[in-house]
Amino acid sequence: MRWVGQLIETIAGCWQLLRLLILSRFRLKGRYWVWRNETAFGTGKPTQRSETIKAALDYGRWMARIRKLGRPRY
């Protein structure tokens, strides 16, 4: 059952990344995304595309967890 939780968290992370792309108007070379890449990777960018995708998904999952923590519970 653990894989179901990971799948849900990954879907929520993808949703958060899509939300962020929409908010930034898909300007991947804009100020936010340039800053995000610099803080995430510094001068050592990942050499493989799979590492970049994994890092982006990890960031999306983290955003989903943080947003979930901030929701009021009634």
PDB file of N, CA and C in Angstrom:
ATOM      1  N   MET A   1       0.811  -1.204   0.000  1.00  0.00           N
ATOM      2  CA  MET A   1       0.000   0.000   0.000  1.00  0.00           C
ATOM      3  C   MET A   1       0.854   1.267   0.000  1.00  0.00           C
ATOM      4  N   ARG A   2       2.117   1.133   0.353  1.00  0.00           N
ATOM      5  CA  ARG A   2       2.989   2.305   0.378  1.00  0.00           C
ATOM      6  C   ARG A   2       3.121   2.934  -1.003  1.00  0.00           C
ATOM      7  N   TRP A   3       3.105   2.104  -2.038  1.00  0.00           N
ATOM      8  CA  TRP A   3       3.266   2.643  -3.385  1.00  0.00           C
ATOM      9  C   TRP A   3       2.075   3.507  -3.795  1.00  0.00           C
ATOM     10  N   VAL A   4       0.898   3.233  -3.214  1.00  0.00           N
ATOM     11  CA  VAL A   4      -0.278   4.055  -3.520  1.00  0.00           C
ATOM     12  C   VAL A   4      -0.077   5.466  -2.978  1.00  0.00           C
ATOM     13  N   GLY A   5       0.452   5.575  -1.766  1.00  0.00           N
ATOM     14  CA  GLY A   5       0.730   6.889  -1.185  1.00  0.00           C
ATOM     15  C   GLY A   5       1.767   7.650  -1.990  1.00  0.00           C
ATOM     16  N   GLN A   6       2.794   6.921  -2.458  1.00  0.00           N
ATOM     17  CA  GLN A   6       3.823   7.569  -3.274  1.00  0.00           C
ATOM     18  C   GLN A   6       3.244   8.038  -4.605  1.00  0.00           C
ATOM     19  N   LEU A   7       2.346   7.231  -5.172  1.00  0.00           N
ATOM     20  CA  LEU A   7       1.717   7.613  -6.439  1.00  0.00           C
ATOM     21  C   LEU A   7       0.858   8.863  -6.256  1.00  0.00           C
ATOM     22  N   ILE A   8       0.086   8.899  -5.185  1.00  0.00           N
ATOM     23  CA  ILE A   8      -0.757  10.070  -4.912  1.00  0.00           C
ATOM     24  C   ILE A   8       0.103  11.301  -4.677  1.00  0.00           C
ATOM     25  N   GLU A   9       1.197  11.128  -3.948  1.00  0.00           N
ATOM     26  CA  GLU A   9       2.102  12.251  -3.689  1.00  0.00           C
ATOM     27  C   GLU A   9       2.752  12.741  -4.989  1.00  0.00           C
ATOM     28  N   THR A  10       3.097  11.835  -5.883  1.00  0.00           N
ATOM     29  CA  THR A  10       3.681  12.206  -7.169  1.00  0.00           C
ATOM     30  C   THR A  10       2.671  12.961  -8.031  1.00  0.00           C
ATOM     31  N   ILE A  11       1.424  12.497  -8.037  1.00  0.00           N
ATOM     32  CA  ILE A  11       0.378  13.189  -8.799  1.00  0.00           C
ATOM     33  C   ILE A  11       0.161  14.591  -8.232  1.00  0.00           C
ATOM     34  N   ALA A  12       0.119  14.698  -6.908  1.00  0.00           N
ATOM     35  CA  ALA A  12      -0.034  16.012  -6.277  1.00  0.00           C
ATOM     36  C   ALA A  12       1.156  16.905  -6.613  1.00  0.00           C
ATOM     37  N   GLY A  13       2.356  16.330  -6.654  1.00  0.00           N
ATOM     38  CA  GLY A  13       3.550  17.091  -7.019  1.00  0.00           C
ATOM     39  C   GLY A  13       3.498  17.580  -8.451  1.00  0.00           C
ATOM     40  N   CYS A  14       3.023  16.737  -9.356  1.00  0.00           N
ATOM     41  CA  CYS A  14       2.878  17.150 -10.760  1.00  0.00           C
ATOM     42  C   CYS A  14       1.854  18.272 -10.873  1.00  0.00           C
ATOM     43  N   TRP A  15       0.786  18.176 -10.093  1.00  0.00           N
ATOM     44  CA  TRP A  15      -0.220  19.231 -10.095  1.00  0.00           C
ATOM     45  C   TRP A  15       0.384  20.555  -9.629  1.00  0.00           C
ATOM     46  N   GLN A  16       1.200  20.514  -8.585  1.00  0.00           N
ATOM     47  CA  GLN A  16       1.828  21.730  -8.069  1.00  0.00           C
ATOM     48  C   GLN A  16       2.803  22.320  -9.086  1.00  0.00           C
ATOM     49  N   LEU A  17       3.537  21.465  -9.786  1.00  0.00           N
ATOM     50  CA  LEU A  17       4.450  21.960 -10.825  1.00  0.00           C
ATOM     51  C   LEU A  17       3.669  22.605 -11.968  1.00  0.00           C
ATOM     52  N   LEU A  18       2.557  21.980 -12.362  1.00  0.00           N
ATOM     53  CA  LEU A  18       1.722  22.563 -13.412  1.00  0.00           C
ATOM     54  C   LEU A  18       1.155  23.900 -12.956  1.00  0.00           C
ATOM     55  N   ARG A  19       0.703  23.966 -11.714  1.00  0.00           N
ATOM     56  CA  ARG A  19       0.186  25.211 -11.147  1.00  0.00           C
ATOM     57  C   ARG A  19       1.252  26.309 -11.186  1.00  0.00           C
ATOM     58  N   LEU A  20       2.478  25.935 -10.819  1.00  0.00           N
ATOM     59  CA  LEU A  20       3.570  26.902 -10.820  1.00  0.00           C
ATOM     60  C   LEU A  20       3.909  27.358 -12.245  1.00  0.00           C
ATOM     61  N   LEU A  21       3.854  26.428 -13.189  1.00  0.00           N
ATOM     62  CA  LEU A  21       4.082  26.804 -14.592  1.00  0.00           C
ATOM     63  C   LEU A  21       3.028  27.783 -15.081  1.00  0.00           C
ATOM     64  N   ILE A  22       1.776  27.536 -14.705  1.00  0.00           N
ATOM     65  CA  ILE A  22       0.694  28.432 -15.119  1.00  0.00           C
ATOM     66  C   ILE A  22       0.884  29.805 -14.482  1.00  0.00           C
ATOM     67  N   LEU A  23       1.214  29.823 -13.181  1.00  0.00           N
ATOM     68  CA  LEU A  23       1.419  31.108 -12.502  1.00  0.00           C
ATOM     69  C   LEU A  23       2.589  31.894 -13.095  1.00  0.00           C
ATOM     70  N   SER A  24       3.608  31.182 -13.573  1.00  0.00           N
ATOM     71  CA  SER A  24       4.750  31.866 -14.177  1.00  0.00           C
ATOM     72  C   SER A  24       4.569  32.058 -15.688  1.00  0.00           C
ATOM     73  N   ARG A  25       3.367  31.746 -16.162  1.00  0.00           N
ATOM     74  CA  ARG A  25       2.991  31.903 -17.575  1.00  0.00           C
ATOM     75  C   ARG A  25       3.923  31.142 -18.518  1.00  0.00           C
ATOM     76  N   PHE A  26       4.392  30.001 -18.065  1.00  0.00           N
ATOM     77  CA  PHE A  26       5.243  29.105 -18.847  1.00  0.00           C
ATOM     78  C   PHE A  26       6.532  29.763 -19.320  1.00  0.00           C
ATOM     79  N   ARG A  27       6.971  30.783 -18.618  1.00  0.00           N
ATOM     80  CA  ARG A  27       8.236  31.455 -18.957  1.00  0.00           C
ATOM     81  C   ARG A  27       9.374  30.730 -18.249  1.00  0.00           C
ATOM     82  N   LEU A  28       9.854  29.664 -18.850  1.00  0.00           N
ATOM     83  CA  LEU A  28      10.901  28.851 -18.228  1.00  0.00           C
ATOM     84  C   LEU A  28      12.252  29.551 -18.199  1.00  0.00           C
ATOM     85  N   LYS A  29      12.400  30.586 -18.988  1.00  0.00           N
ATOM     86  CA  LYS A  29      13.638  31.368 -18.963  1.00  0.00           C
ATOM     87  C   LYS A  29      13.439  32.684 -18.209  1.00  0.00           C
ATOM     88  N   GLY A  30      12.313  32.789 -17.501  1.00  0.00           N
ATOM     89  CA  GLY A  30      12.014  33.988 -16.722  1.00  0.00           C
ATOM     90  C   GLY A  30      12.823  34.031 -15.436  1.00  0.00           C
ATOM     91  N   ARG A  31      12.650  35.140 -14.707  1.00  0.00           N
ATOM     92  CA  ARG A  31      13.436  35.363 -13.492  1.00  0.00           C
ATOM     93  C   ARG A  31      13.248  34.264 -12.455  1.00  0.00           C
ATOM     94  N   TYR A  32      11.997  33.814 -12.224  1.00  0.00           N
ATOM     95  CA  TYR A  32      11.763  32.804 -11.194  1.00  0.00           C
ATOM     96  C   TYR A  32      12.476  31.500 -11.524  1.00  0.00           C
ATOM     97  N   TRP A  33      12.311  31.022 -12.740  1.00  0.00           N
ATOM     98  CA  TRP A  33      12.884  29.728 -13.096  1.00  0.00           C
ATOM     99  C   TRP A  33      14.408  29.780 -13.162  1.00  0.00           C
ATOM    100  N   VAL A  34      14.966  30.899 -13.599  1.00  0.00           N
ATOM    101  CA  VAL A  34      16.425  31.044 -13.584  1.00  0.00           C
ATOM    102  C   VAL A  34      16.925  30.982 -12.141  1.00  0.00           C
ATOM    103  N   TRP A  35      16.249  31.715 -11.244  1.00  0.00           N
ATOM    104  CA  TRP A  35      16.614  31.692  -9.825  1.00  0.00           C
ATOM    105  C   TRP A  35      16.444  30.294  -9.237  1.00  0.00           C
ATOM    106  N   ARG A  36      15.352  29.633  -9.594  1.00  0.00           N
ATOM    107  CA  ARG A  36      15.073  28.288  -9.065  1.00  0.00           C
ATOM    108  C   ARG A  36      16.185  27.309  -9.479  1.00  0.00           C
ATOM    109  N   ASN A  37      16.606  27.378 -10.731  1.00  0.00           N
ATOM    110  CA  ASN A  37      17.682  26.496 -11.201  1.00  0.00           C
ATOM    111  C   ASN A  37      19.001  26.801 -10.505  1.00  0.00           C
ATOM    112  N   GLU A  38      19.278  28.093 -10.296  1.00  0.00           N
ATOM    113  CA  GLU A  38      20.529  28.456  -9.628  1.00  0.00           C
ATOM    114  C   GLU A  38      20.554  27.972  -8.186  1.00  0.00           C
ATOM    115  N   THR A  39      19.427  28.096  -7.486  1.00  0.00           N
ATOM    116  CA  THR A  39      19.402  27.663  -6.084  1.00  0.00           C
ATOM    117  C   THR A  39      19.328  26.152  -5.965  1.00  0.00           C
ATOM    118  N   ALA A  40      18.703  25.508  -6.911  1.00  0.00           N
ATOM    119  CA  ALA A  40      18.571  24.052  -6.836  1.00  0.00           C
ATOM    120  C   ALA A  40      19.869  23.341  -7.214  1.00  0.00           C
ATOM    121  N   PHE A  41      20.542  23.836  -8.236  1.00  0.00           N
ATOM    122  CA  PHE A  41      21.691  23.113  -8.761  1.00  0.00           C
ATOM    123  C   PHE A  41      23.015  23.856  -8.619  1.00  0.00           C
ATOM    124  N   GLY A  42      22.975  25.149  -8.376  1.00  0.00           N
ATOM    125  CA  GLY A  42      24.218  25.916  -8.304  1.00  0.00           C
ATOM    126  C   GLY A  42      24.903  25.920  -9.660  1.00  0.00           C
ATOM    127  N   THR A  43      26.201  25.727  -9.642  1.00  0.00           N
ATOM    128  CA  THR A  43      26.937  25.701 -10.911  1.00  0.00           C
ATOM    129  C   THR A  43      26.999  24.297 -11.494  1.00  0.00           C
ATOM    130  N   GLY A  44      26.699  23.294 -10.703  1.00  0.00           N
ATOM    131  CA  GLY A  44      26.779  21.909 -11.176  1.00  0.00           C
ATOM    132  C   GLY A  44      25.435  21.376 -11.623  1.00  0.00           C
ATOM    133  N   LYS A  45      25.046  21.684 -12.840  1.00  0.00           N
ATOM    134  CA  LYS A  45      23.785  21.167 -13.381  1.00  0.00           C
ATOM    135  C   LYS A  45      23.883  19.661 -13.566  1.00  0.00           C
ATOM    136  N   PRO A  46      22.761  18.939 -13.391  1.00  0.00           N
ATOM    137  CA  PRO A  46      22.790  17.495 -13.633  1.00  0.00           C
ATOM    138  C   PRO A  46      23.161  17.193 -15.084  1.00  0.00           C
ATOM    139  N   THR A  47      23.953  16.161 -15.254  1.00  0.00           N
ATOM    140  CA  THR A  47      24.399  15.825 -16.598  1.00  0.00           C
ATOM    141  C   THR A  47      23.347  15.024 -17.352  1.00  0.00           C
ATOM    142  N   GLN A  48      22.528  14.296 -16.635  1.00  0.00           N
ATOM    143  CA  GLN A  48      21.517  13.478 -17.297  1.00  0.00           C
ATOM    144  C   GLN A  48      20.137  14.099 -17.131  1.00  0.00           C
ATOM    145  N   ARG A  49      19.340  13.965 -18.149  1.00  0.00           N
ATOM    146  CA  ARG A  49      17.976  14.492 -18.122  1.00  0.00           C
ATOM    147  C   ARG A  49      17.152  13.816 -17.024  1.00  0.00           C
ATOM    148  N   SER A  50      17.401  12.542 -16.784  1.00  0.00           N
ATOM    149  CA  SER A  50      16.645  11.821 -15.757  1.00  0.00           C
ATOM    150  C   SER A  50      16.889  12.408 -14.366  1.00  0.00           C
ATOM    151  N   GLU A  51      18.104  12.892 -14.103  1.00  0.00           N
ATOM    152  CA  GLU A  51      18.392  13.528 -12.818  1.00  0.00           C
ATOM    153  C   GLU A  51      17.620  14.832 -12.669  1.00  0.00           C
ATOM    154  N   THR A  52      17.514  15.587 -13.755  1.00  0.00           N
ATOM    155  CA  THR A  52      16.764  16.837 -13.723  1.00  0.00           C
ATOM    156  C   THR A  52      15.281  16.563 -13.473  1.00  0.00           C
ATOM    157  N   ILE A  53      14.735  15.558 -14.138  1.00  0.00           N
ATOM    158  CA  ILE A  53      13.326  15.206 -13.963  1.00  0.00           C
ATOM    159  C   ILE A  53      13.067  14.735 -12.540  1.00  0.00           C
ATOM    160  N   LYS A  54      13.964  13.913 -12.007  1.00  0.00           N
ATOM    161  CA  LYS A  54      13.813  13.431 -10.631  1.00  0.00           C
ATOM    162  C   LYS A  54      13.853  14.594  -9.645  1.00  0.00           C
ATOM    163  N   ALA A  55      14.762  15.539  -9.862  1.00  0.00           N
ATOM    164  CA  ALA A  55      14.849  16.710  -8.980  1.00  0.00           C
ATOM    165  C   ALA A  55      13.580  17.556  -9.072  1.00  0.00           C
ATOM    166  N   ALA A  56      13.034  17.719 -10.270  1.00  0.00           N
ATOM    167  CA  ALA A  56      11.800  18.500 -10.439  1.00  0.00           C
ATOM    168  C   ALA A  56      10.629  17.809  -9.746  1.00  0.00           C
ATOM    169  N   LEU A  57      10.532  16.488  -9.877  1.00  0.00           N
ATOM    170  CA  LEU A  57       9.461  15.751  -9.206  1.00  0.00           C
ATOM    171  C   LEU A  57       9.609  15.805  -7.693  1.00  0.00           C
ATOM    172  N   ASP A  58      10.829  15.716  -7.206  1.00  0.00           N
ATOM    173  CA  ASP A  58      11.057  15.843  -5.761  1.00  0.00           C
ATOM    174  C   ASP A  58      10.603  17.219  -5.272  1.00  0.00           C
ATOM    175  N   TYR A  59      10.900  18.253  -6.033  1.00  0.00           N
ATOM    176  CA  TYR A  59      10.485  19.608  -5.678  1.00  0.00           C
ATOM    177  C   TYR A  59       8.959  19.713  -5.691  1.00  0.00           C
ATOM    178  N   GLY A  60       8.326  19.119  -6.691  1.00  0.00           N
ATOM    179  CA  GLY A  60       6.866  19.132  -6.769  1.00  0.00           C
ATOM    180  C   GLY A  60       6.230  18.414  -5.590  1.00  0.00           C
ATOM    181  N   ARG A  61       6.793  17.255  -5.219  1.00  0.00           N
ATOM    182  CA  ARG A  61       6.278  16.527  -4.046  1.00  0.00           C
ATOM    183  C   ARG A  61       6.435  17.353  -2.782  1.00  0.00           C
ATOM    184  N   TRP A  62       7.572  18.015  -2.652  1.00  0.00           N
ATOM    185  CA  TRP A  62       7.815  18.857  -1.484  1.00  0.00           C
ATOM    186  C   TRP A  62       6.787  19.987  -1.429  1.00  0.00           C
ATOM    187  N   MET A  63       6.529  20.641  -2.586  1.00  0.00           N
ATOM    188  CA  MET A  63       5.535  21.719  -2.620  1.00  0.00           C
ATOM    189  C   MET A  63       4.160  21.211  -2.201  1.00  0.00           C
ATOM    190  N   ALA A  64       3.791  20.028  -2.671  1.00  0.00           N
ATOM    191  CA  ALA A  64       2.487  19.457  -2.320  1.00  0.00           C
ATOM    192  C   ALA A  64       2.392  19.201  -0.817  1.00  0.00           C
ATOM    193  N   ARG A  65       3.472  18.676  -0.217  1.00  0.00           N
ATOM    194  CA  ARG A  65       3.455  18.428   1.230  1.00  0.00           C
ATOM    195  C   ARG A  65       3.349  19.728   2.013  1.00  0.00           C
ATOM    196  N   ILE A  66       4.071  20.747   1.587  1.00  0.00           N
ATOM    197  CA  ILE A  66       4.044  22.034   2.280  1.00  0.00           C
ATOM    198  C   ILE A  66       2.655  22.667   2.170  1.00  0.00           C
ATOM    199  N   ARG A  67       2.059  22.636   0.997  1.00  0.00           N
ATOM    200  CA  ARG A  67       0.717  23.210   0.833  1.00  0.00           C
ATOM    201  C   ARG A  67      -0.303  22.437   1.651  1.00  0.00           C
ATOM    202  N   LYS A  68      -0.138  21.133   1.743  1.00  0.00           N
ATOM    203  CA  LYS A  68      -1.048  20.320   2.537  1.00  0.00           C
ATOM    204  C   LYS A  68      -0.939  20.673   4.019  1.00  0.00           C
ATOM    205  N   LEU A  69       0.268  20.937   4.497  1.00  0.00           N
ATOM    206  CA  LEU A  69       0.467  21.316   5.898  1.00  0.00           C
ATOM    207  C   LEU A  69      -0.169  22.659   6.214  1.00  0.00           C
ATOM    208  N   GLY A  70      -0.233  23.552   5.239  1.00  0.00           N
ATOM    209  CA  GLY A  70      -0.749  24.889   5.468  1.00  0.00           C
ATOM    210  C   GLY A  70      -2.259  24.987   5.450  1.00  0.00           C
ATOM    211  N   ARG A  71      -2.939  23.912   5.037  1.00  0.00           N
ATOM    212  CA  ARG A  71      -4.401  23.945   4.963  1.00  0.00           C
ATOM    213  C   ARG A  71      -5.021  23.905   6.358  1.00  0.00           C
ATOM    214  N   PRO A  72      -6.060  24.700   6.567  1.00  0.00           N
ATOM    215  CA  PRO A  72      -6.740  24.614   7.860  1.00  0.00           C
ATOM    216  C   PRO A  72      -7.496  23.291   7.977  1.00  0.00           C
ATOM    217  N   ARG A  73      -7.511  22.748   9.154  1.00  0.00           N
ATOM    218  CA  ARG A  73      -8.223  21.484   9.396  1.00  0.00           C
ATOM    219  C   ARG A  73      -9.429  21.774  10.249  1.00  0.00           C
ATOM    220  N   TYR A  74     -10.599  21.411   9.740  1.00  0.00           N
ATOM    221  CA  TYR A  74     -11.843  21.664  10.455  1.00  0.00           C
ATOM    222  C   TYR A  74     -12.442  20.388  10.950  1.00  0.00           C
TER     223      TYR A  74
END
